[in-house]
Amino acid sequence: MPFFFDPNYMLAIAPAILLAMWAQWRVHASFTAASKEPAPLSGAAAARHILDSAGATNVTIEQVPGQLTDHYDPQTKVLRLSEGVYGSRSLAAVGIAAHEAGHALQDAQGYSLMAIRNAAVGVANFGSGFGLIVFMVGLGMALAPLAWLGIALFGATVFFQLVNLPVEFDASNRAKAQLVVLGIVPAADMPHVNRVLNAAAWTYVAGTLQSILTLLYYASYLTGGSSDSDR
């Protein structure tokens, strides 16, 4: 019976782990560098300007504790910015804030992939927490249908992340465009913002890759891809 963190599993997802480590290093390095570059507005003010210019005046902005805990809540129409982004007048702050504002614009404008992502959140969270547990129980009890059910549940997480990738890329593209069009960031300074948002995008790619490799690894137990000694 396999374990979640057996050596073969770690070897299978090694490419995703290495990519995630590299992406996190890039996020830290680019954010630190861009935090030293001044911007004419704070993160909160930049987000407010983007939202108001697009007519999304019903979206409120709040400050939340933590570092890079920024997110948009489509249920409450609240854009939450971390302490280091909300009041900071740096290119890093306005870049992150503009990205989250991009999500709010997707919501306001009925971006189809975001609607699909939002609808899949509940199933994906359930699949992430219980999918592999159901699989392990099914495999241990030699109940193939139960094991496949676990794989299917975890597959919902993979589906969510595959849909989430273009949603994140689109939010960043909206952010980059609005920052220039509204004159929040001079075009000459956009490379700093681009590096921050591009680095953040790679973290989503790494997470999606890990989920796909995990799904394939455990599915191999049901399709004869793993040796009997691993069972």
Protein backbone atom coordinates (compact mmCIF):
# COMPACT_ATOMS: atom_id res chain seq x y z
CA MET A 1 0.00 0.00 0.00
CA PRO A 2 1.59 3.34 -1.01
CA PHE A 3 2.14 6.24 1.32
CA PHE A 4 1.69 9.87 0.37
CA PHE A 5 5.37 10.64 0.88
CA ASP A 6 7.08 7.42 -0.13
CA PRO A 7 10.41 7.76 -2.00
CA ASN A 8 8.86 6.90 -5.35
CA TYR A 9 6.23 9.58 -4.92
CA MET A 10 8.83 12.18 -4.04
CA LEU A 11 10.80 11.18 -7.12
CA ALA A 12 7.67 11.41 -9.27
CA ILE A 13 6.87 14.96 -8.19
CA ALA A 14 10.49 16.14 -8.04
CA PRO A 15 10.14 18.32 -11.18
CA ALA A 16 7.22 20.18 -9.57
CA ILE A 17 9.09 20.61 -6.28
CA LEU A 18 12.14 22.03 -8.03
CA LEU A 19 9.96 24.35 -10.10
CA ALA A 20 8.13 25.52 -6.96
CA MET A 21 11.41 26.23 -5.17
CA TRP A 22 12.68 28.23 -8.14
CA ALA A 23 9.37 30.11 -8.43
CA GLN A 24 9.35 31.01 -4.73
CA TRP A 25 12.90 32.30 -5.01
CA ARG A 26 11.88 34.42 -8.00
CA VAL A 27 8.84 35.78 -6.17
CA HIS A 28 10.95 36.77 -3.17
CA ALA A 29 13.74 38.28 -5.25
CA SER A 30 11.48 40.20 -7.64
CA PHE A 31 9.15 41.44 -4.89
CA THR A 32 12.07 42.61 -2.76
CA ALA A 33 13.62 44.46 -5.70
CA ALA A 34 10.35 46.04 -6.82
CA SER A 35 9.55 47.05 -3.23
CA LYS A 36 12.50 49.44 -3.43
CA GLU A 37 11.09 51.16 -6.51
CA PRO A 38 8.65 54.03 -5.71
CA ALA A 39 5.18 54.31 -7.18
CA PRO A 40 2.88 57.37 -7.29
CA LEU A 41 0.07 55.53 -5.49
CA SER A 42 -0.24 53.02 -2.69
CA GLY A 43 -1.44 49.50 -3.45
CA ALA A 44 -4.91 50.29 -2.10
CA ALA A 45 -5.16 53.56 -4.03
CA ALA A 46 -4.02 51.88 -7.26
CA ALA A 47 -6.60 49.11 -6.86
CA ARG A 48 -9.33 51.67 -6.09
CA HIS A 49 -8.42 53.68 -9.20
CA ILE A 50 -8.55 50.57 -11.41
CA LEU A 51 -11.87 49.42 -9.97
CA ASP A 52 -13.53 52.81 -10.17
CA SER A 53 -12.30 53.39 -13.73
CA ALA A 54 -13.94 50.12 -14.77
CA GLY A 55 -17.19 50.90 -12.96
CA ALA A 56 -16.63 48.30 -10.23
CA THR A 57 -17.45 50.79 -7.48
CA ASN A 58 -19.30 48.16 -5.43
CA VAL A 59 -16.05 46.35 -4.63
CA THR A 60 -14.60 47.34 -1.27
CA ILE A 61 -10.94 47.14 -0.29
CA GLU A 62 -9.73 45.92 3.09
CA GLN A 63 -6.37 45.44 4.74
CA VAL A 64 -5.59 41.96 6.09
CA PRO A 65 -2.65 40.70 8.16
CA GLY A 66 0.14 38.60 6.75
CA GLN A 67 2.59 38.78 3.88
CA LEU A 68 1.31 38.32 0.33
CA THR A 69 -2.09 37.21 1.66
CA ASP A 70 -3.75 39.34 -0.99
CA HIS A 71 -6.91 37.95 -2.60
CA TYR A 72 -10.29 38.86 -4.04
CA ASP A 73 -13.45 37.36 -2.55
CA PRO A 74 -16.15 37.15 -5.26
CA GLN A 75 -18.80 36.17 -2.71
CA THR A 76 -18.56 39.38 -0.69
CA LYS A 77 -17.09 41.59 -3.43
CA VAL A 78 -14.15 42.45 -1.17
CA LEU A 79 -10.57 42.89 -2.33
CA ARG A 80 -8.23 42.13 0.57
CA LEU A 81 -4.67 43.43 0.52
CA SER A 82 -1.87 42.42 2.86
CA GLU A 83 -0.15 44.88 5.16
CA GLY A 84 2.88 45.18 2.88
CA VAL A 85 0.72 45.97 -0.15
CA TYR A 86 -2.22 48.02 1.14
CA GLY A 87 -0.37 51.17 2.18
CA SER A 88 2.94 50.74 0.39
CA ARG A 89 3.78 53.11 -2.43
CA SER A 90 6.07 50.75 -4.34
CA LEU A 91 5.96 49.08 -7.74
CA ALA A 92 5.68 45.70 -6.02
CA ALA A 93 2.63 46.83 -4.07
CA VAL A 94 0.77 48.36 -7.00
CA GLY A 95 1.55 45.30 -9.13
CA ILE A 96 0.09 42.86 -6.60
CA ALA A 97 -2.89 45.13 -5.90
CA ALA A 98 -3.58 45.56 -9.60
CA HIS A 99 -3.50 41.77 -10.09
CA GLU A 100 -6.17 41.31 -7.42
CA ALA A 101 -8.16 44.16 -8.94
CA GLY A 102 -7.91 42.22 -12.19
CA HIS A 103 -9.78 39.37 -10.52
CA ALA A 104 -12.48 41.79 -9.41
CA LEU A 105 -12.81 43.03 -12.99
CA GLN A 106 -13.11 39.44 -14.21
CA ASP A 107 -15.95 38.95 -11.76
CA ALA A 108 -17.67 42.21 -12.68
CA GLN A 109 -17.39 41.55 -16.41
CA GLY A 110 -18.54 37.94 -16.25
CA TYR A 111 -15.29 36.27 -17.29
CA SER A 112 -16.42 32.71 -17.99
CA LEU A 113 -13.36 30.85 -16.73
CA MET A 114 -13.53 32.66 -13.42
CA ALA A 115 -17.16 31.63 -13.05
CA ILE A 116 -16.17 28.01 -13.70
CA ARG A 117 -13.32 28.29 -11.20
CA ASN A 118 -15.59 29.72 -8.53
CA ALA A 119 -18.14 26.97 -9.10
CA ALA A 120 -15.45 24.29 -8.76
CA VAL A 121 -13.92 25.58 -5.51
CA GLY A 122 -16.07 23.51 -3.16
CA VAL A 123 -15.57 20.21 -4.99
CA ALA A 124 -11.87 20.91 -5.44
CA ASN A 125 -11.38 21.58 -1.74
CA PHE A 126 -13.22 18.38 -0.85
CA GLY A 127 -11.25 16.39 -3.41
CA SER A 128 -7.96 17.77 -2.16
CA GLY A 129 -8.72 16.85 1.43
CA PHE A 130 -10.39 13.46 0.96
CA GLY A 131 -9.64 12.22 -2.55
CA LEU A 132 -6.37 10.48 -1.78
CA ILE A 133 -7.70 9.20 1.54
CA VAL A 134 -10.60 7.52 -0.26
CA PHE A 135 -8.11 6.16 -2.79
CA MET A 136 -5.86 4.71 -0.08
CA VAL A 137 -8.80 3.06 1.68
CA GLY A 138 -10.05 1.59 -1.58
CA LEU A 139 -6.61 0.32 -2.51
CA GLY A 140 -6.01 -1.16 0.95
CA MET A 141 -9.35 -2.97 0.89
CA ALA A 142 -8.86 -4.09 -2.72
CA LEU A 143 -11.98 -2.18 -3.76
CA ALA A 144 -11.07 -0.80 -7.17
CA PRO A 145 -14.28 1.26 -7.62
CA LEU A 146 -13.65 3.03 -4.30
CA ALA A 147 -10.03 3.67 -5.27
CA TRP A 148 -11.13 5.12 -8.61
CA LEU A 149 -13.64 7.31 -6.77
CA GLY A 150 -10.74 8.72 -4.77
CA ILE A 151 -8.82 9.39 -7.96
CA ALA A 152 -11.87 11.13 -9.45
CA LEU A 153 -12.27 13.30 -6.35
CA PHE A 154 -8.65 14.35 -6.50
CA GLY A 155 -9.07 14.91 -10.23
CA ALA A 156 -11.49 17.72 -9.35
CA THR A 157 -8.56 19.51 -7.72
CA VAL A 158 -6.49 19.09 -10.87
CA PHE A 159 -9.38 20.41 -12.97
CA PHE A 160 -9.69 23.43 -10.69
CA GLN A 161 -6.01 24.25 -11.02
CA LEU A 162 -6.03 23.81 -14.78
CA VAL A 163 -8.90 26.29 -15.01
CA ASN A 164 -7.23 28.58 -12.49
CA LEU A 165 -4.05 28.99 -14.56
CA PRO A 166 -5.60 31.05 -17.39
CA VAL A 167 -7.64 32.97 -14.79
CA GLU A 168 -4.43 34.03 -13.04
CA PHE A 169 -2.66 34.86 -16.30
CA ASP A 170 -5.63 36.93 -17.47
CA ALA A 171 -5.75 38.85 -14.17
CA SER A 172 -2.07 39.71 -14.54
CA ASN A 173 -2.55 40.81 -18.13
CA ARG A 174 -5.46 43.04 -17.09
CA ALA A 175 -3.33 44.48 -14.28
CA LYS A 176 -0.40 45.28 -16.57
CA ALA A 177 -2.65 46.96 -19.11
CA GLN A 178 -4.57 49.05 -16.57
CA LEU A 179 -1.44 50.23 -14.78
CA VAL A 180 -0.14 51.72 -18.04
CA VAL A 181 -3.45 52.94 -19.49
CA LEU A 182 -4.41 54.75 -16.28
CA GLY A 183 -0.93 56.19 -15.86
CA ILE A 184 -0.38 54.53 -12.48
CA VAL A 185 2.99 53.14 -13.56
CA PRO A 186 5.13 54.68 -16.30
CA ALA A 187 5.83 52.26 -19.14
CA ALA A 188 9.55 52.49 -18.37
CA ASP A 189 8.94 51.09 -14.88
CA MET A 190 6.72 48.21 -15.95
CA PRO A 191 9.58 45.65 -16.15
CA HIS A 192 9.69 45.68 -12.33
CA VAL A 193 5.97 44.94 -12.14
CA ASN A 194 6.20 42.33 -14.87
CA ARG A 195 8.90 40.41 -13.01
CA VAL A 196 6.78 40.27 -9.84
CA LEU A 197 3.62 39.09 -11.59
CA ASN A 198 5.44 36.65 -13.87
CA ALA A 199 7.23 35.09 -10.90
CA ALA A 200 3.92 34.70 -9.06
CA ALA A 201 2.42 33.00 -12.12
CA TRP A 202 5.11 30.32 -12.00
CA THR A 203 4.01 29.34 -8.48
CA TYR A 204 0.60 28.45 -9.92
CA VAL A 205 2.24 26.47 -12.70
CA ALA A 206 4.29 24.54 -10.13
CA GLY A 207 1.24 23.77 -7.99
CA THR A 208 -0.71 22.56 -11.01
CA LEU A 209 2.18 20.37 -12.17
CA GLN A 210 2.47 18.78 -8.73
CA SER A 211 -1.24 17.94 -8.69
CA ILE A 212 -1.06 16.40 -12.17
CA LEU A 213 1.99 14.31 -11.29
CA THR A 214 0.34 13.20 -8.04
CA LEU A 215 -2.79 12.15 -9.90
CA LEU A 216 -0.78 10.19 -12.45
CA TYR A 217 1.36 8.55 -9.78
CA TYR A 218 -1.54 7.20 -7.76
CA ALA A 219 -3.57 6.29 -10.86
CA SER A 220 -0.64 4.08 -11.90
CA TYR A 221 -1.45 1.78 -8.97
CA LEU A 222 -4.78 0.99 -10.60
CA THR A 223 -3.46 0.64 -14.14
CA GLY A 224 -0.50 -1.61 -13.36
CA GLY A 225 2.14 1.11 -13.50
CA SER A 226 3.55 0.34 -10.05
CA SER A 227 5.24 -2.85 -8.98
CA ASP A 228 3.67 -5.23 -6.52
CA SER A 229 6.39 -4.42 -4.00
CA ASP A 230 5.06 -0.89 -3.74
CA ARG A 231 1.55 -1.99 -2.90
